[in-house]
Amino acid sequence: MRIHCSTLKPATIVMACVTILGACSSTPPPSRPVPPPITSDAAGETLVGKVIWHDLLTHDAGAALEFYEGLFGWDFEESEEAPGRYWDITREGQVIGSVFAANADELDSPLWLVSLSVPDVDGSVSRAGGLGASVAVPPSDLPNRGRYAVLEDPQGAFFVVLRSTSGDPRDTQHHDPGEWLWTELWTTDARGAVDFYEGLMGYRSEGIAARLEEVAEDEYGEAVAEGDLPVVFFAMSVGEEVRAGIHQLPAEAHPHWLPYVAVGDVAEAVARAVELGASVLLPPEAVNNGEAAILADPTGAPFGVQQWPRPEGGDR
């Protein structure tokens, strides 16, 4: 894949997380939401390294809610504890994420903040610090949710480590349109990020060469044989399960975690998203078989759409 997103800025999410998530407080005051459990259909175990939750932090919640409802048919339930600040995202009656409204002094750039499952939040935070990460929000407890912390990896991407008290969602190969499908880290130092997340999560990495076409061009514009294509993507696994991907970004772009939503037809989804006010960061024609695209919602938060089931001959 190729992406052009040099306008993405680092997100100042520390204040947003402290203000909205209620860091360092086991009983949030009335102005803060009580989040729902991660799942009502738990696997019964902690699935280490799996992305188990998605939070949208945005300046314009109204625009975001209207956009995602129009694109994916998601519904939203406003928090009684924090009206106008927090909404549960629901799909067919199941809560699949949250939307937080953040002020300009709390958040520079809207983003999707993903939560990675860990068995021990405090141990993970300690290990992350030794690997070069920064702690944005220290280990804290939330009712219904579990123990969490917000970290900034050595390349500058923010993410959450979470030990869910309700267990982690079950693994499945079946994904209907509008469901979370996949998550990738887009970063300026993919190999460095691989080392970090291998050390933190115990991931096993598999490098995959760029395969946009039969040939690619190097930085000087010369044709490069397929066997010499650079490795720009790493699949990150725990055991037999691929949990996430790490992808090389252009040097001028800011690292960020990128969630993908399943769609039946990528071109139709992109056209509809544009009608609803989205920007196209990576069009379908830049991806193998046109099976995926990367967009920014009307508030500026980047996300991906991907065809599922995948087209014949598709490979990640």
Protein backbone atom coordinates (compact mmCIF):
# COMPACT_ATOMS: atom_id res chain seq x y z
CA MET A 1 0.00 0.00 0.00
CA ARG A 2 0.97 3.62 -0.38
CA ILE A 3 -0.46 6.39 1.74
CA HIS A 4 -0.18 10.13 1.53
CA CYS A 5 -1.02 11.62 4.91
CA SER A 6 1.71 14.11 5.66
CA THR A 7 -0.92 16.45 7.11
CA LEU A 8 -1.52 14.13 10.06
CA LYS A 9 -0.21 15.71 13.25
CA PRO A 10 0.77 14.10 16.53
CA ALA A 11 -2.27 13.92 18.81
CA THR A 12 -2.01 15.44 22.25
CA ILE A 13 -4.17 12.81 23.90
CA VAL A 14 -2.89 12.90 27.46
CA MET A 15 -5.27 15.65 28.55
CA ALA A 16 -8.13 14.08 26.60
CA CYS A 17 -7.61 10.69 28.26
CA VAL A 18 -7.28 12.15 31.74
CA THR A 19 -10.34 14.35 31.31
CA ILE A 20 -12.62 11.92 29.51
CA LEU A 21 -11.50 8.47 30.62
CA GLY A 22 -11.09 9.45 34.24
CA ALA A 23 -7.50 8.33 34.73
CA CYS A 24 -6.31 7.54 38.24
CA SER A 25 -9.87 7.21 39.52
CA SER A 26 -11.57 3.89 40.25
CA THR A 27 -14.94 5.65 40.63
CA PRO A 28 -15.38 8.33 37.95
CA PRO A 29 -17.25 11.44 39.11
CA PRO A 30 -20.69 12.15 37.58
CA SER A 31 -19.15 14.23 34.77
CA ARG A 32 -17.27 11.20 33.46
CA PRO A 33 -18.79 8.17 31.74
CA VAL A 34 -18.92 4.65 33.09
CA PRO A 35 -17.79 2.62 30.04
CA PRO A 36 -19.45 -0.66 29.09
CA PRO A 37 -17.68 -4.02 29.43
CA ILE A 38 -15.49 -4.96 26.50
CA THR A 39 -17.72 -7.88 25.57
CA SER A 40 -20.69 -9.95 26.68
CA ASP A 41 -19.34 -12.90 24.69
CA ALA A 42 -15.91 -13.40 26.22
CA ALA A 43 -13.39 -15.96 25.11
CA GLY A 44 -12.77 -16.81 28.75
CA GLU A 45 -9.12 -15.88 28.50
CA THR A 46 -6.85 -12.96 27.76
CA LEU A 47 -5.95 -13.03 24.05
CA VAL A 48 -2.60 -11.30 24.31
CA GLY A 49 -1.86 -8.74 21.60
CA LYS A 50 -5.39 -8.71 20.21
CA VAL A 51 -7.06 -5.37 19.48
CA ILE A 52 -10.12 -5.54 21.72
CA TRP A 53 -11.52 -2.00 21.72
CA HIS A 54 -11.70 1.16 19.61
CA ASP A 55 -12.25 4.72 20.91
CA LEU A 56 -12.76 7.69 18.59
CA LEU A 57 -11.44 10.95 20.04
CA THR A 58 -12.77 13.85 18.02
CA HIS A 59 -13.48 17.60 18.13
CA ASP A 60 -16.87 17.29 16.41
CA ALA A 61 -18.82 14.35 17.76
CA GLY A 62 -22.00 15.38 15.96
CA ALA A 63 -20.31 15.23 12.57
CA ALA A 64 -18.62 11.93 13.44
CA LEU A 65 -21.84 10.28 14.61
CA GLU A 66 -23.71 11.36 11.48
CA PHE A 67 -20.88 10.15 9.24
CA TYR A 68 -20.45 6.67 10.70
CA GLU A 69 -24.18 6.12 10.95
CA GLY A 70 -24.52 7.00 7.27
CA LEU A 71 -21.54 4.91 6.18
CA PHE A 72 -21.78 1.78 8.34
CA GLY A 73 -25.25 1.97 9.88
CA TRP A 74 -23.81 2.24 13.38
CA ASP A 75 -26.01 3.51 16.20
CA PHE A 76 -24.94 5.62 19.17
CA GLU A 77 -26.09 5.72 22.78
CA GLU A 78 -25.31 8.90 24.68
CA SER A 79 -23.90 8.55 28.18
CA GLU A 80 -26.16 9.65 31.03
CA GLU A 81 -23.08 10.42 33.13
CA ALA A 82 -21.40 12.56 30.46
CA PRO A 83 -24.00 13.82 27.97
CA GLY A 84 -22.48 15.61 25.03
CA ARG A 85 -19.08 14.06 25.79
CA TYR A 86 -19.38 10.30 25.39
CA TRP A 87 -21.33 7.82 23.24
CA ASP A 88 -21.28 4.03 22.98
CA ILE A 89 -21.09 2.80 19.38
CA THR A 90 -23.53 -0.04 18.79
CA ARG A 91 -24.03 -2.37 15.87
CA GLU A 92 -27.08 -4.63 15.85
CA GLY A 93 -27.43 -4.11 19.58
CA GLN A 94 -23.79 -4.91 20.42
CA VAL A 95 -21.46 -2.22 21.78
CA ILE A 96 -18.34 -2.14 19.58
CA GLY A 97 -16.59 1.07 20.59
CA SER A 98 -16.93 4.58 21.95
CA VAL A 99 -16.86 8.19 20.79
CA PHE A 100 -15.37 10.93 22.97
CA ALA A 101 -15.84 14.63 22.34
CA ALA A 102 -12.58 16.46 23.12
CA ASN A 103 -11.87 20.18 23.17
CA ALA A 104 -9.11 21.76 21.11
CA ASP A 105 -6.91 22.14 24.21
CA GLU A 106 -7.33 18.42 24.95
CA LEU A 107 -6.66 17.02 21.47
CA ASP A 108 -4.67 18.28 18.50
CA SER A 109 -5.92 15.83 15.87
CA PRO A 110 -8.87 13.39 15.96
CA LEU A 111 -7.88 9.74 15.95
CA TRP A 112 -9.02 6.19 16.63
CA LEU A 113 -7.32 4.97 19.81
CA VAL A 114 -6.99 1.18 19.90
CA SER A 115 -6.67 -1.05 22.98
CA LEU A 116 -4.33 -4.07 22.96
CA SER A 117 -5.05 -6.93 25.35
CA VAL A 118 -2.39 -7.70 27.97
CA PRO A 119 -2.44 -10.00 31.00
CA ASP A 120 -0.70 -7.49 33.30
CA VAL A 121 -1.04 -3.75 32.67
CA ASP A 122 1.50 -2.65 35.26
CA GLY A 123 4.05 -5.16 34.02
CA SER A 124 3.42 -4.12 30.42
CA VAL A 125 3.93 -0.44 31.28
CA SER A 126 7.19 -1.23 33.03
CA ARG A 127 8.39 -3.33 30.11
CA ALA A 128 7.31 -0.67 27.58
CA GLY A 129 9.37 1.95 29.39
CA GLY A 130 12.43 -0.24 29.14
CA LEU A 131 11.81 -0.59 25.41
CA GLY A 132 11.67 3.17 24.83
CA ALA A 133 7.96 3.99 25.19
CA SER A 134 6.49 6.91 27.13
CA VAL A 135 3.57 6.67 29.57
CA ALA A 136 0.78 9.06 28.59
CA VAL A 137 -1.70 7.86 31.23
CA PRO A 138 -0.42 5.63 34.07
CA PRO A 139 -2.12 2.35 35.03
CA SER A 140 -5.66 3.06 36.20
CA ASP A 141 -8.91 1.18 36.84
CA LEU A 142 -12.29 1.81 35.25
CA PRO A 143 -15.56 0.25 36.43
CA ASN A 144 -16.90 -2.41 34.02
CA ARG A 145 -13.82 -2.11 31.82
CA GLY A 146 -10.72 -3.21 33.70
CA ARG A 147 -7.21 -1.88 34.19
CA TYR A 148 -5.59 0.16 31.45
CA ALA A 149 -2.80 2.58 30.60
CA VAL A 150 -2.12 4.79 27.59
CA LEU A 151 1.34 4.56 26.02
CA GLU A 152 3.25 6.34 23.27
CA ASP A 153 5.54 3.97 21.41
CA PRO A 154 9.13 4.97 20.49
CA GLN A 155 8.00 6.20 17.05
CA GLY A 156 5.19 8.36 18.51
CA ALA A 157 2.02 6.28 18.04
CA PHE A 158 -0.44 6.23 20.96
CA PHE A 159 -2.24 3.08 22.07
CA VAL A 160 -3.90 1.54 25.13
CA VAL A 161 -2.88 -1.59 26.99
CA LEU A 162 -5.90 -3.15 28.67
CA ARG A 163 -6.69 -6.07 30.96
CA SER A 164 -10.41 -6.56 30.52
CA THR A 165 -12.43 -7.70 33.52
CA SER A 166 -15.07 -9.15 31.20
CA GLY A 167 -12.65 -11.19 29.09
CA ASP A 168 -11.68 -10.64 25.46
CA PRO A 169 -13.94 -11.03 22.40
CA ARG A 170 -13.74 -14.42 20.71
CA ASP A 171 -11.65 -14.89 17.58
CA THR A 172 -13.67 -15.34 14.41
CA GLN A 173 -13.06 -15.50 10.67
CA HIS A 174 -16.58 -14.30 9.90
CA HIS A 175 -17.02 -10.54 9.53
CA ASP A 176 -20.17 -8.83 8.30
CA PRO A 177 -20.16 -5.34 6.74
CA GLY A 178 -19.78 -2.70 9.42
CA GLU A 179 -17.74 -4.92 11.77
CA TRP A 180 -14.17 -4.27 12.85
CA LEU A 181 -11.94 -6.39 10.66
CA TRP A 182 -8.28 -5.60 11.12
CA THR A 183 -5.80 -3.11 12.62
CA GLU A 184 -2.41 -1.87 11.41
CA LEU A 185 0.25 0.41 12.81
CA TRP A 186 1.49 2.85 10.17
CA THR A 187 4.89 4.11 11.30
CA THR A 188 8.02 5.79 10.00
CA ASP A 189 10.29 3.01 11.33
CA ALA A 190 8.55 -0.29 10.74
CA ARG A 191 11.52 -2.43 11.77
CA GLY A 192 12.01 -0.43 14.94
CA ALA A 193 8.31 -0.76 15.74
CA VAL A 194 8.49 -4.51 15.12
CA ASP A 195 11.28 -4.79 17.69
CA PHE A 196 9.28 -2.76 20.21
CA TYR A 197 6.00 -4.66 19.88
CA GLU A 198 7.75 -8.03 19.77
CA GLY A 199 9.36 -7.15 23.08
CA LEU A 200 6.17 -5.76 24.59
CA MET A 201 3.56 -8.22 23.33
CA GLY A 202 5.57 -11.29 22.46
CA TYR A 203 4.50 -10.98 18.83
CA ARG A 204 6.14 -13.10 16.15
CA SER A 205 6.72 -11.05 12.99
CA GLU A 206 6.64 -12.06 9.34
CA GLY A 207 7.88 -9.56 6.78
CA ILE A 208 5.99 -9.26 3.49
CA ALA A 209 7.43 -7.42 0.46
CA ALA A 210 5.61 -4.62 -1.30
CA ARG A 211 3.33 -6.07 -3.96
CA LEU A 212 1.43 -3.19 -5.45
CA GLU A 213 2.26 -4.32 -8.99
CA GLU A 214 4.50 -6.83 -10.72
CA VAL A 215 7.28 -4.26 -10.44
CA ALA A 216 7.79 -1.21 -8.25
CA GLU A 217 9.98 1.84 -8.46
CA ASP A 218 12.72 2.68 -6.01
CA GLU A 219 13.38 6.18 -4.67
CA TYR A 220 15.24 7.08 -7.86
CA GLY A 221 12.40 6.00 -10.14
CA GLU A 222 14.18 2.93 -11.48
CA ALA A 223 12.28 -0.31 -12.00
CA VAL A 224 12.84 -2.88 -9.26
CA ALA A 225 12.45 -6.60 -9.91
CA GLU A 226 9.70 -8.29 -7.91
CA GLY A 227 12.19 -10.40 -5.97
CA ASP A 228 13.98 -7.24 -4.82
CA LEU A 229 10.89 -5.39 -3.55
CA PRO A 230 11.41 -3.87 -0.09
CA VAL A 231 9.73 -5.32 2.98
CA VAL A 232 7.25 -2.66 4.05
CA PHE A 233 4.67 -4.73 5.96
CA PHE A 234 4.96 -7.08 8.92
CA ALA A 235 2.23 -9.44 10.11
CA MET A 236 2.35 -9.72 13.90
CA SER A 237 1.16 -13.00 15.42
CA VAL A 238 0.71 -14.68 18.79
CA GLY A 239 0.65 -18.44 18.38
CA GLU A 240 -1.35 -19.23 15.25
CA GLU A 241 -3.36 -15.99 15.31
CA VAL A 242 -2.33 -12.89 13.36
CA ARG A 243 -3.18 -10.03 15.70
CA ALA A 244 -2.10 -6.87 13.85
CA GLY A 245 0.08 -5.45 11.10
CA ILE A 246 2.92 -2.94 11.03
CA HIS A 247 3.35 -0.89 7.86
CA GLN A 248 6.06 1.53 6.76
CA LEU A 249 4.94 5.16 6.43
CA PRO A 250 6.54 7.99 4.46
CA ALA A 251 9.06 9.81 6.64
CA GLU A 252 7.00 12.99 6.77
CA ALA A 253 3.84 11.37 8.18
CA HIS A 254 3.07 10.84 11.86
CA PRO A 255 2.77 7.25 13.18
CA HIS A 256 -0.71 6.07 14.14
CA TRP A 257 -2.75 2.92 14.64
CA LEU A 258 -5.30 2.42 11.86
CA PRO A 259 -8.45 0.29 12.26
CA TYR A 260 -10.23 -1.27 9.26
CA VAL A 261 -13.96 -1.92 8.90
CA ALA A 262 -15.33 -4.72 6.72
CA VAL A 263 -17.35 -3.69 3.65
CA GLY A 264 -18.89 -5.63 0.79
CA ASP A 265 -17.61 -3.30 -1.93
CA VAL A 266 -14.69 -0.95 -1.34
CA ALA A 267 -15.38 1.37 -4.29
CA GLU A 268 -18.99 1.84 -3.22
CA ALA A 269 -17.95 2.43 0.40
CA VAL A 270 -15.39 5.04 -0.64
CA ALA A 271 -17.90 6.84 -2.88
CA ARG A 272 -20.45 6.90 -0.08
CA ALA A 273 -17.84 8.09 2.43
CA VAL A 274 -16.87 10.97 0.15
CA GLU A 275 -20.54 11.93 -0.21
CA LEU A 276 -20.70 12.06 3.59
CA GLY A 277 -17.66 14.33 3.83
CA ALA A 278 -14.68 11.97 4.09
CA SER A 279 -11.27 12.50 2.48
CA VAL A 280 -9.48 9.74 0.57
CA LEU A 281 -5.93 9.14 1.81
CA LEU A 282 -5.29 5.93 -0.13
CA PRO A 283 -7.67 5.06 -3.02
CA PRO A 284 -8.67 1.48 -3.86
CA GLU A 285 -6.67 1.51 -7.08
CA ALA A 286 -3.41 1.84 -5.08
CA VAL A 287 -4.04 -1.47 -3.27
CA ASN A 288 -3.80 -5.04 -4.56
CA ASN A 289 -7.08 -6.01 -6.26
CA GLY A 290 -8.70 -2.76 -5.07
CA GLU A 291 -9.61 -4.57 -1.88
CA ALA A 292 -8.97 -1.74 0.61
CA ALA A 293 -8.79 2.03 0.96
CA ILE A 294 -7.81 4.47 3.68
CA LEU A 295 -10.00 7.44 4.51
CA ALA A 296 -10.18 10.33 6.95
CA ASP A 297 -13.61 10.98 8.41
CA PRO A 298 -15.05 14.53 8.26
CA THR A 299 -13.36 15.36 11.58
CA GLY A 300 -9.95 14.14 10.34
CA ALA A 301 -9.64 10.73 12.03
CA PRO A 302 -8.06 8.15 9.67
CA PHE A 303 -9.49 4.64 9.24
CA GLY A 304 -9.60 1.93 6.60
CA VAL A 305 -12.23 -0.06 4.77
CA GLN A 306 -11.51 -3.51 3.38
CA GLN A 307 -13.50 -5.98 1.33
CA TRP A 308 -14.54 -9.10 3.20
CA PRO A 309 -14.52 -11.89 2.18
CA ARG A 310 -11.33 -10.99 0.34
CA PRO A 311 -11.23 -11.16 -3.46
CA GLU A 312 -9.71 -14.16 -5.18
CA GLY A 313 -5.93 -13.88 -5.32
CA GLY A 314 -5.74 -11.24 -2.56
CA ASP A 315 -2.79 -11.37 -0.24
CA ARG A 316 -1.82 -9.14 2.64
